[in-house]
Amino acid sequence: MTTKSRGDWGEALVAEWLREHGYAIVASKYRCRFGEIDLIARDKEMLCFVEVKLRDRTDYGLPREFVTAAKQRRLRTTAEFYLSRHDPDVCCRFDVAEVYADAGQTSGQARIEYFENAF
């Protein structure tokens, strides 16, 4: 698998996990001139901007540690742009989903850790 296809696979796993936990997927791979948001989901009245991080090892740190301050700024700016075009008055939050899966693992062997209000 290429890095991109592994990332797409991880995002699909998280989207399915979110559906199983009562979320509705609003958009995936939302892109604009400011950046990209992996998943946008609705949890009741809350709009969730979800950053997905897939890792097979934690030698260099936990996946959530790679959502740096610069990445957070880009996500906030991208989310502001999305909200200005869709629903500017909705409550929102930023979540991080960590997917732990060795190369070649199936979805049944992957583990997801989900952090609401991650930043």
Protein backbone atom coordinates (compact mmCIF):
# COMPACT_ATOMS: atom_id res chain seq x y z
CA MET A 1 0.00 0.00 0.00
CA THR A 2 1.17 3.51 -0.72
CA THR A 3 1.16 6.15 1.99
CA LYS A 4 -1.87 7.80 0.38
CA SER A 5 -3.84 4.57 0.12
CA ARG A 6 -3.02 3.73 3.76
CA GLY A 7 -4.22 7.19 4.76
CA ASP A 8 -7.43 6.75 2.78
CA TRP A 9 -7.91 3.34 4.41
CA GLY A 10 -7.45 4.85 7.88
CA GLU A 11 -9.92 7.64 7.13
CA ALA A 12 -12.48 5.08 5.91
CA LEU A 13 -12.04 3.09 9.14
CA VAL A 14 -12.61 6.19 11.24
CA ALA A 15 -15.65 7.18 9.16
CA GLU A 16 -17.15 3.74 9.80
CA TRP A 17 -16.30 3.98 13.51
CA LEU A 18 -18.01 7.37 13.68
CA ARG A 19 -21.15 6.00 11.99
CA GLU A 20 -21.23 3.10 14.46
CA HIS A 21 -21.09 5.63 17.30
CA GLY A 22 -24.00 7.70 16.02
CA TYR A 23 -22.21 10.35 13.98
CA ALA A 24 -23.31 11.36 10.49
CA ILE A 25 -20.51 11.94 7.99
CA VAL A 26 -20.97 15.34 6.34
CA ALA A 27 -17.81 15.41 4.21
CA SER A 28 -14.53 13.62 3.75
CA LYS A 29 -11.30 15.07 2.38
CA TYR A 30 -12.75 18.57 2.39
CA ARG A 31 -10.28 20.85 0.61
CA CYS A 32 -10.04 24.55 0.02
CA ARG A 33 -7.21 26.99 -0.56
CA PHE A 34 -6.39 27.01 3.15
CA GLY A 35 -5.95 23.27 3.68
CA GLU A 36 -7.71 19.95 4.08
CA ILE A 37 -9.92 18.41 6.73
CA ASP A 38 -9.96 14.62 6.76
CA LEU A 39 -13.54 14.18 7.98
CA ILE A 40 -16.41 16.44 8.93
CA ALA A 41 -19.06 14.71 11.01
CA ARG A 42 -22.18 15.70 12.90
CA ASP A 43 -22.73 14.50 16.46
CA LYS A 44 -26.28 15.62 17.27
CA GLU A 45 -26.03 19.43 17.13
CA MET A 46 -22.21 19.53 17.12
CA LEU A 47 -20.15 19.71 13.93
CA CYS A 48 -16.86 17.83 14.36
CA PHE A 49 -13.76 18.50 12.30
CA VAL A 50 -11.74 15.30 12.53
CA GLU A 51 -8.04 14.90 11.88
CA VAL A 52 -7.08 11.25 11.29
CA LYS A 53 -3.57 10.03 12.09
CA LEU A 54 -2.56 6.49 11.12
CA ARG A 55 0.58 4.93 12.55
CA ASP A 56 2.06 1.48 12.68
CA ARG A 57 4.71 2.45 15.25
CA THR A 58 5.05 4.97 18.03
CA ASP A 59 8.86 5.13 18.11
CA TYR A 60 8.76 8.83 17.25
CA GLY A 61 5.72 9.75 19.32
CA LEU A 62 1.99 9.28 19.49
CA PRO A 63 -0.06 10.11 16.40
CA ARG A 64 -1.80 13.03 18.13
CA GLU A 65 1.59 14.66 18.72
CA PHE A 66 1.87 15.19 14.97
CA VAL A 67 -1.09 17.58 15.05
CA THR A 68 1.26 20.47 15.65
CA ALA A 69 0.35 24.08 16.43
CA ALA A 70 0.87 24.95 12.74
CA LYS A 71 -1.41 22.09 11.67
CA GLN A 72 -4.02 23.23 14.20
CA ARG A 73 -3.93 26.76 12.75
CA ARG A 74 -4.45 25.40 9.21
CA LEU A 75 -7.33 23.21 10.40
CA ARG A 76 -8.99 26.15 12.17
CA THR A 77 -8.66 28.38 9.11
CA THR A 78 -10.01 25.66 6.83
CA ALA A 79 -12.90 25.04 9.24
CA GLU A 80 -13.71 28.76 9.35
CA PHE A 81 -13.85 28.79 5.56
CA TYR A 82 -16.12 25.71 5.55
CA LEU A 83 -18.44 27.27 8.13
CA SER A 84 -18.64 30.55 6.20
CA ARG A 85 -19.93 28.59 3.19
CA HIS A 86 -22.22 26.11 4.93
CA ASP A 87 -23.47 26.76 8.46
CA PRO A 88 -21.79 29.69 10.23
CA ASP A 89 -23.91 29.43 13.40
CA VAL A 90 -23.35 25.77 14.27
CA CYS A 91 -21.33 24.74 17.33
CA CYS A 92 -18.18 22.90 16.41
CA ARG A 93 -15.17 21.15 17.85
CA PHE A 94 -11.87 19.68 16.66
CA ASP A 95 -11.27 15.98 17.24
CA VAL A 96 -8.31 13.70 16.55
CA ALA A 97 -8.66 10.03 15.65
CA GLU A 98 -5.62 7.82 16.05
CA VAL A 99 -5.53 4.61 14.03
CA TYR A 100 -3.01 1.99 15.09
CA ALA A 101 -2.44 -0.62 12.39
CA ASP A 102 0.59 -2.54 11.21
CA ALA A 103 1.27 -2.54 7.49
CA GLY A 104 -0.93 -5.18 5.88
CA GLN A 105 -3.38 -5.37 8.77
CA THR A 106 -7.08 -5.75 8.17
CA SER A 107 -9.67 -3.39 9.57
CA GLY A 108 -10.58 -5.97 12.22
CA GLN A 109 -7.05 -5.76 13.63
CA ALA A 110 -6.81 -1.96 13.68
CA ARG A 111 -7.37 -0.01 16.88
CA ILE A 112 -8.93 3.47 16.97
CA GLU A 113 -8.50 5.97 19.78
CA TYR A 114 -10.78 9.00 19.48
CA PHE A 115 -10.21 12.33 21.24
CA GLU A 116 -13.04 14.85 21.34
CA ASN A 117 -12.08 18.52 21.75
CA ALA A 118 -8.45 17.61 21.08
CA PHE A 119 -7.46 21.27 20.63
